[in-house]
């Protein structure tokens, strides 16, 4: 299971461009907690352009428990 601290920490959308792009239609927030980030990523998995995801954002996704495509 995911680390509770990771899931309750606030993350700046500006640090994760793919997440920011996915979230822009649904929120005006500049920070989201790990649970919200995970939900957004999971809801958009089929639409994610994996070539656009940086190594650091892939690591972030992995820390949230998202299955990262190679």
PDB file of N, CA and C in Angstrom:
ATOM      1  N   UNK A   1       0.851  -1.191   0.000  1.00  0.00           N
ATOM      2  CA  UNK A   1       0.000   0.000   0.000  1.00  0.00           C
ATOM      3  C   UNK A   1       0.879   1.231   0.000  1.00  0.00           C
ATOM      4  N   UNK A   2       0.326   2.337  -0.382  1.00  0.00           N
ATOM      5  CA  UNK A   2       1.063   3.597  -0.461  1.00  0.00           C
ATOM      6  C   UNK A   2       1.327   4.169   0.918  1.00  0.00           C
ATOM      7  N   UNK A   3       2.417   4.886   1.017  1.00  0.00           N
ATOM      8  CA  UNK A   3       2.798   5.550   2.256  1.00  0.00           C
ATOM      9  C   UNK A   3       1.768   6.642   2.571  1.00  0.00           C
ATOM     10  N   UNK A   4       1.168   6.625   3.761  1.00  0.00           N
ATOM     11  CA  UNK A   4       0.175   7.642   4.101  1.00  0.00           C
ATOM     12  C   UNK A   4       0.733   9.063   4.018  1.00  0.00           C
ATOM     13  N   UNK A   5       1.988   9.242   4.359  1.00  0.00           N
ATOM     14  CA  UNK A   5       2.581  10.575   4.279  1.00  0.00           C
ATOM     15  C   UNK A   5       2.600  11.066   2.830  1.00  0.00           C
ATOM     16  N   UNK A   6       2.911  10.176   1.905  1.00  0.00           N
ATOM     17  CA  UNK A   6       2.929  10.532   0.489  1.00  0.00           C
ATOM     18  C   UNK A   6       1.536  10.925   0.021  1.00  0.00           C
ATOM     19  N   UNK A   7       0.547  10.217   0.478  1.00  0.00           N
ATOM     20  CA  UNK A   7      -0.819  10.466   0.028  1.00  0.00           C
ATOM     21  C   UNK A   7      -1.413  11.742   0.620  1.00  0.00           C
ATOM     22  N   UNK A   8      -0.900  12.204   1.760  1.00  0.00           N
ATOM     23  CA  UNK A   8      -1.460  13.394   2.408  1.00  0.00           C
ATOM     24  C   UNK A   8      -0.619  14.651   2.194  1.00  0.00           C
ATOM     25  N   UNK A   9       0.524  14.494   1.560  1.00  0.00           N
ATOM     26  CA  UNK A   9       1.382  15.646   1.271  1.00  0.00           C
ATOM     27  C   UNK A   9       0.790  16.430   0.109  1.00  0.00           C
ATOM     28  N   UNK A  10       0.974  17.760   0.146  1.00  0.00           N
ATOM     29  CA  UNK A  10       0.541  18.601  -0.970  1.00  0.00           C
ATOM     30  C   UNK A  10       1.671  18.708  -1.983  1.00  0.00           C
ATOM     31  N   UNK A  11       1.313  18.606  -3.269  1.00  0.00           N
ATOM     32  CA  UNK A  11       2.285  18.667  -4.360  1.00  0.00           C
ATOM     33  C   UNK A  11       1.901  19.808  -5.302  1.00  0.00           C
ATOM     34  N   UNK A  12       2.922  20.577  -5.712  1.00  0.00           N
ATOM     35  CA  UNK A  12       2.698  21.685  -6.644  1.00  0.00           C
ATOM     36  C   UNK A  12       2.489  21.135  -8.047  1.00  0.00           C
ATOM     37  N   UNK A  13       1.386  21.508  -8.661  1.00  0.00           N
ATOM     38  CA  UNK A  13       1.108  21.048 -10.022  1.00  0.00           C
ATOM     39  C   UNK A  13       2.181  21.524 -10.997  1.00  0.00           C
ATOM     40  N   UNK A  14       2.756  22.688 -10.752  1.00  0.00           N
ATOM     41  CA  UNK A  14       3.784  23.225 -11.644  1.00  0.00           C
ATOM     42  C   UNK A  14       5.010  22.317 -11.721  1.00  0.00           C
ATOM     43  N   UNK A  15       5.204  21.473 -10.721  1.00  0.00           N
ATOM     44  CA  UNK A  15       6.347  20.553 -10.720  1.00  0.00           C
ATOM     45  C   UNK A  15       6.099  19.314 -11.577  1.00  0.00           C
ATOM     46  N   UNK A  16       4.863  19.083 -11.974  1.00  0.00           N
ATOM     47  CA  UNK A  16       4.485  17.882 -12.721  1.00  0.00           C
ATOM     48  C   UNK A  16       3.620  18.296 -13.915  1.00  0.00           C
ATOM     49  N   UNK A  17       4.255  18.632 -15.038  1.00  0.00           N
ATOM     50  CA  UNK A  17       3.526  19.198 -16.187  1.00  0.00           C
ATOM     51  C   UNK A  17       2.401  18.323 -16.739  1.00  0.00           C
ATOM     52  N   UNK A  18       2.600  17.024 -16.783  1.00  0.00           N
ATOM     53  CA  UNK A  18       1.538  16.159 -17.304  1.00  0.00           C
ATOM     54  C   UNK A  18       0.343  16.184 -16.356  1.00  0.00           C
ATOM     55  N   UNK A  19       0.600  16.094 -15.075  1.00  0.00           N
ATOM     56  CA  UNK A  19      -0.474  16.179 -14.078  1.00  0.00           C
ATOM     57  C   UNK A  19      -1.184  17.519 -14.178  1.00  0.00           C
ATOM     58  N   UNK A  20      -0.436  18.597 -14.300  1.00  0.00           N
ATOM     59  CA  UNK A  20      -1.035  19.931 -14.412  1.00  0.00           C
ATOM     60  C   UNK A  20      -1.949  20.008 -15.628  1.00  0.00           C
ATOM     61  N   UNK A  21      -1.512  19.446 -16.724  1.00  0.00           N
ATOM     62  CA  UNK A  21      -2.317  19.451 -17.945  1.00  0.00           C
ATOM     63  C   UNK A  21      -3.602  18.642 -17.758  1.00  0.00           C
ATOM     64  N   UNK A  22      -3.482  17.496 -17.122  1.00  0.00           N
ATOM     65  CA  UNK A  22      -4.654  16.649 -16.892  1.00  0.00           C
ATOM     66  C   UNK A  22      -5.646  17.301 -15.932  1.00  0.00           C
ATOM     67  N   UNK A  23      -5.141  18.061 -14.965  1.00  0.00           N
ATOM     68  CA  UNK A  23      -5.983  18.649 -13.920  1.00  0.00           C
ATOM     69  C   UNK A  23      -6.598  19.981 -14.316  1.00  0.00           C
ATOM     70  N   UNK A  24      -6.074  20.625 -15.337  1.00  0.00           N
ATOM     71  CA  UNK A  24      -6.472  21.997 -15.626  1.00  0.00           C
ATOM     72  C   UNK A  24      -7.965  22.185 -15.874  1.00  0.00           C
ATOM     73  N   UNK A  25      -8.641  21.217 -16.408  1.00  0.00           N
ATOM     74  CA  UNK A  25     -10.072  21.354 -16.642  1.00  0.00           C
ATOM     75  C   UNK A  25     -10.924  21.120 -15.413  1.00  0.00           C
ATOM     76  N   UNK A  26     -10.345  20.529 -14.375  1.00  0.00           N
ATOM     77  CA  UNK A  26     -11.140  20.163 -13.212  1.00  0.00           C
ATOM     78  C   UNK A  26     -10.854  20.918 -11.935  1.00  0.00           C
ATOM     79  N   UNK A  27      -9.781  21.711 -11.929  1.00  0.00           N
ATOM     80  CA  UNK A  27      -9.448  22.440 -10.706  1.00  0.00           C
ATOM     81  C   UNK A  27      -8.667  23.695 -11.023  1.00  0.00           C
ATOM     82  N   UNK A  28      -8.783  24.664 -10.135  1.00  0.00           N
ATOM     83  CA  UNK A  28      -7.970  25.878 -10.242  1.00  0.00           C
ATOM     84  C   UNK A  28      -6.878  25.880  -9.179  1.00  0.00           C
ATOM     85  N   UNK A  29      -6.793  24.771  -8.439  1.00  0.00           N
ATOM     86  CA  UNK A  29      -5.801  24.660  -7.361  1.00  0.00           C
ATOM     87  C   UNK A  29      -4.393  24.633  -7.941  1.00  0.00           C
ATOM     88  N   UNK A  30      -3.441  25.123  -7.162  1.00  0.00           N
ATOM     89  CA  UNK A  30      -2.040  25.065  -7.583  1.00  0.00           C
ATOM     90  C   UNK A  30      -1.316  23.909  -6.897  1.00  0.00           C
ATOM     91  N   UNK A  31      -1.941  23.349  -5.856  1.00  0.00           N
ATOM     92  CA  UNK A  31      -1.403  22.194  -5.152  1.00  0.00           C
ATOM     93  C   UNK A  31      -2.524  21.192  -4.900  1.00  0.00           C
ATOM     94  N   UNK A  32      -2.155  19.914  -4.964  1.00  0.00           N
ATOM     95  CA  UNK A  32      -3.109  18.840  -4.662  1.00  0.00           C
ATOM     96  C   UNK A  32      -2.424  17.817  -3.778  1.00  0.00           C
ATOM     97  N   UNK A  33      -3.207  17.125  -2.956  1.00  0.00           N
ATOM     98  CA  UNK A  33      -2.600  16.065  -2.158  1.00  0.00           C
ATOM     99  C   UNK A  33      -2.408  14.818  -3.015  1.00  0.00           C
ATOM    100  N   UNK A  34      -1.632  13.880  -2.497  1.00  0.00           N
ATOM    101  CA  UNK A  34      -1.292  12.681  -3.237  1.00  0.00           C
ATOM    102  C   UNK A  34      -2.505  11.880  -3.672  1.00  0.00           C
ATOM    103  N   UNK A  35      -3.544  11.865  -2.862  1.00  0.00           N
ATOM    104  CA  UNK A  35      -4.760  11.122  -3.218  1.00  0.00           C
ATOM    105  C   UNK A  35      -5.407  11.703  -4.463  1.00  0.00           C
ATOM    106  N   UNK A  36      -5.485  13.033  -4.520  1.00  0.00           N
ATOM    107  CA  UNK A  36      -6.078  13.688  -5.689  1.00  0.00           C
ATOM    108  C   UNK A  36      -5.208  13.475  -6.923  1.00  0.00           C
ATOM    109  N   UNK A  37      -3.896  13.567  -6.745  1.00  0.00           N
ATOM    110  CA  UNK A  37      -2.977  13.346  -7.864  1.00  0.00           C
ATOM    111  C   UNK A  37      -3.150  11.938  -8.418  1.00  0.00           C
ATOM    112  N   UNK A  38      -3.206  10.971  -7.528  1.00  0.00           N
ATOM    113  CA  UNK A  38      -3.372   9.582  -7.961  1.00  0.00           C
ATOM    114  C   UNK A  38      -4.683   9.403  -8.717  1.00  0.00           C
ATOM    115  N   UNK A  39      -5.744   9.980  -8.218  1.00  0.00           N
ATOM    116  CA  UNK A  39      -7.046   9.874  -8.874  1.00  0.00           C
ATOM    117  C   UNK A  39      -6.990  10.451 -10.284  1.00  0.00           C
ATOM    118  N   UNK A  40      -6.382  11.620 -10.421  1.00  0.00           N
ATOM    119  CA  UNK A  40      -6.296  12.273 -11.739  1.00  0.00           C
ATOM    120  C   UNK A  40      -5.492  11.417 -12.705  1.00  0.00           C
ATOM    121  N   UNK A  41      -4.338  10.935 -12.254  1.00  0.00           N
ATOM    122  CA  UNK A  41      -3.533  10.072 -13.119  1.00  0.00           C
ATOM    123  C   UNK A  41      -4.306   8.810 -13.517  1.00  0.00           C
ATOM    124  N   UNK A  42      -4.929   8.156 -12.551  1.00  0.00           N
ATOM    125  CA  UNK A  42      -5.646   6.907 -12.841  1.00  0.00           C
ATOM    126  C   UNK A  42      -6.799   7.130 -13.810  1.00  0.00           C
ATOM    127  N   UNK A  43      -7.520   8.225 -13.640  1.00  0.00           N
ATOM    128  CA  UNK A  43      -8.647   8.513 -14.527  1.00  0.00           C
ATOM    129  C   UNK A  43      -8.184   8.779 -15.952  1.00  0.00           C
ATOM    130  N   UNK A  44      -6.941   9.223 -16.109  1.00  0.00           N
ATOM    131  CA  UNK A  44      -6.432   9.609 -17.426  1.00  0.00           C
ATOM    132  C   UNK A  44      -5.439   8.608 -18.016  1.00  0.00           C
ATOM    133  N   UNK A  45      -5.206   7.485 -17.368  1.00  0.00           N
ATOM    134  CA  UNK A  45      -4.177   6.544 -17.842  1.00  0.00           C
ATOM    135  C   UNK A  45      -4.239   6.251 -19.341  1.00  0.00           C
ATOM    136  N   UNK A  46      -5.408   5.989 -19.915  1.00  0.00           N
ATOM    137  CA  UNK A  46      -5.438   5.677 -21.344  1.00  0.00           C
ATOM    138  C   UNK A  46      -5.031   6.856 -22.242  1.00  0.00           C
ATOM    139  N   UNK A  47      -5.127   8.075 -21.709  1.00  0.00           N
ATOM    140  CA  UNK A  47      -4.832   9.269 -22.513  1.00  0.00           C
ATOM    141  C   UNK A  47      -3.437   9.833 -22.304  1.00  0.00           C
ATOM    142  N   UNK A  48      -2.681   9.287 -21.381  1.00  0.00           N
ATOM    143  CA  UNK A  48      -1.366   9.851 -21.073  1.00  0.00           C
ATOM    144  C   UNK A  48      -0.386   9.570 -22.203  1.00  0.00           C
ATOM    145  N   UNK A  49       0.293  10.625 -22.645  1.00  0.00           N
ATOM    146  CA  UNK A  49       1.363  10.497 -23.638  1.00  0.00           C
ATOM    147  C   UNK A  49       2.633  10.185 -22.855  1.00  0.00           C
ATOM    148  N   UNK A  50       3.014   8.913 -22.806  1.00  0.00           N
ATOM    149  CA  UNK A  50       4.118   8.480 -21.962  1.00  0.00           C
ATOM    150  C   UNK A  50       5.454   9.079 -22.384  1.00  0.00           C
ATOM    151  N   UNK A  51       5.573   9.484 -23.635  1.00  0.00           N
ATOM    152  CA  UNK A  51       6.811  10.123 -24.083  1.00  0.00           C
ATOM    153  C   UNK A  51       6.955  11.523 -23.491  1.00  0.00           C
ATOM    154  N   UNK A  52       5.846  12.123 -23.092  1.00  0.00           N
ATOM    155  CA  UNK A  52       5.870  13.467 -22.513  1.00  0.00           C
ATOM    156  C   UNK A  52       6.135  13.458 -21.004  1.00  0.00           C
ATOM    157  N   UNK A  53       6.138  12.289 -20.397  1.00  0.00           N
ATOM    158  CA  UNK A  53       6.315  12.185 -18.944  1.00  0.00           C
ATOM    159  C   UNK A  53       7.808  12.111 -18.617  1.00  0.00           C
ATOM    160  N   UNK A  54       8.293  13.085 -17.855  1.00  0.00           N
ATOM    161  CA  UNK A  54       9.705  13.116 -17.476  1.00  0.00           C
ATOM    162  C   UNK A  54      10.026  12.008 -16.476  1.00  0.00           C
ATOM    163  N   UNK A  55      11.307  11.758 -16.305  1.00  0.00           N
ATOM    164  CA  UNK A  55      11.741  10.732 -15.353  1.00  0.00           C
ATOM    165  C   UNK A  55      11.294  11.079 -13.936  1.00  0.00           C
ATOM    166  N   UNK A  56      11.363  12.351 -13.576  1.00  0.00           N
ATOM    167  CA  UNK A  56      10.964  12.739 -12.219  1.00  0.00           C
ATOM    168  C   UNK A  56       9.454  12.585 -12.015  1.00  0.00           C
ATOM    169  N   UNK A  57       8.678  12.864 -13.055  1.00  0.00           N
ATOM    170  CA  UNK A  57       7.228  12.694 -12.920  1.00  0.00           C
ATOM    171  C   UNK A  57       6.871  11.208 -12.894  1.00  0.00           C
ATOM    172  N   UNK A  58       7.605  10.387 -13.639  1.00  0.00           N
ATOM    173  CA  UNK A  58       7.389   8.935 -13.571  1.00  0.00           C
ATOM    174  C   UNK A  58       7.672   8.419 -12.160  1.00  0.00           C
ATOM    175  N   UNK A  59       8.741   8.927 -11.547  1.00  0.00           N
ATOM    176  CA  UNK A  59       9.083   8.523 -10.177  1.00  0.00           C
ATOM    177  C   UNK A  59       7.966   8.945  -9.218  1.00  0.00           C
ATOM    178  N   UNK A  60       7.424  10.145  -9.427  1.00  0.00           N
ATOM    179  CA  UNK A  60       6.319  10.623  -8.600  1.00  0.00           C
ATOM    180  C   UNK A  60       5.105   9.714  -8.765  1.00  0.00           C
ATOM    181  N   UNK A  61       4.779   9.394 -10.000  1.00  0.00           N
ATOM    182  CA  UNK A  61       3.644   8.508 -10.265  1.00  0.00           C
ATOM    183  C   UNK A  61       3.852   7.155  -9.577  1.00  0.00           C
ATOM    184  N   UNK A  62       5.052   6.631  -9.678  1.00  0.00           N
ATOM    185  CA  UNK A  62       5.373   5.358  -9.034  1.00  0.00           C
ATOM    186  C   UNK A  62       5.175   5.452  -7.518  1.00  0.00           C
ATOM    187  N   UNK A  63       5.589   6.590  -6.914  1.00  0.00           N
ATOM    188  CA  UNK A  63       5.438   6.754  -5.466  1.00  0.00           C
ATOM    189  C   UNK A  63       3.967   6.791  -5.052  1.00  0.00           C
ATOM    190  N   UNK A  64       3.090   7.171  -5.990  1.00  0.00           N
ATOM    191  CA  UNK A  64       1.653   7.190  -5.727  1.00  0.00           C
ATOM    192  C   UNK A  64       0.997   5.835  -5.978  1.00  0.00           C
ATOM    193  N   UNK A  65       1.769   4.890  -6.507  1.00  0.00           N
ATOM    194  CA  UNK A  65       1.235   3.566  -6.771  1.00  0.00           C
ATOM    195  C   UNK A  65       0.674   3.414  -8.170  1.00  0.00           C
ATOM    196  N   UNK A  66       1.006   4.339  -9.062  1.00  0.00           N
ATOM    197  CA  UNK A  66       0.550   4.261 -10.439  1.00  0.00           C
ATOM    198  C   UNK A  66       1.486   3.355 -11.212  1.00  0.00           C
ATOM    199  N   UNK A  67       0.941   2.435 -11.986  1.00  0.00           N
ATOM    200  CA  UNK A  67       1.753   1.565 -12.817  1.00  0.00           C
ATOM    201  C   UNK A  67       2.299   2.397 -13.975  1.00  0.00           C
ATOM    202  N   UNK A  68       3.589   2.605 -13.974  1.00  0.00           N
ATOM    203  CA  UNK A  68       4.241   3.455 -14.973  1.00  0.00           C
ATOM    204  C   UNK A  68       4.630   2.617 -16.171  1.00  0.00           C
ATOM    205  N   UNK A  69       4.255   3.090 -17.350  1.00  0.00           N
ATOM    206  CA  UNK A  69       4.592   2.390 -18.596  1.00  0.00           C
ATOM    207  C   UNK A  69       6.058   2.648 -18.924  1.00  0.00           C
ATOM    208  N   UNK A  70       6.731   1.650 -19.501  1.00  0.00           N
ATOM    209  CA  UNK A  70       8.147   1.845 -19.858  1.00  0.00           C
ATOM    210  C   UNK A  70       8.329   2.815 -21.005  1.00  0.00           C
TER     211      UNK A  70
END
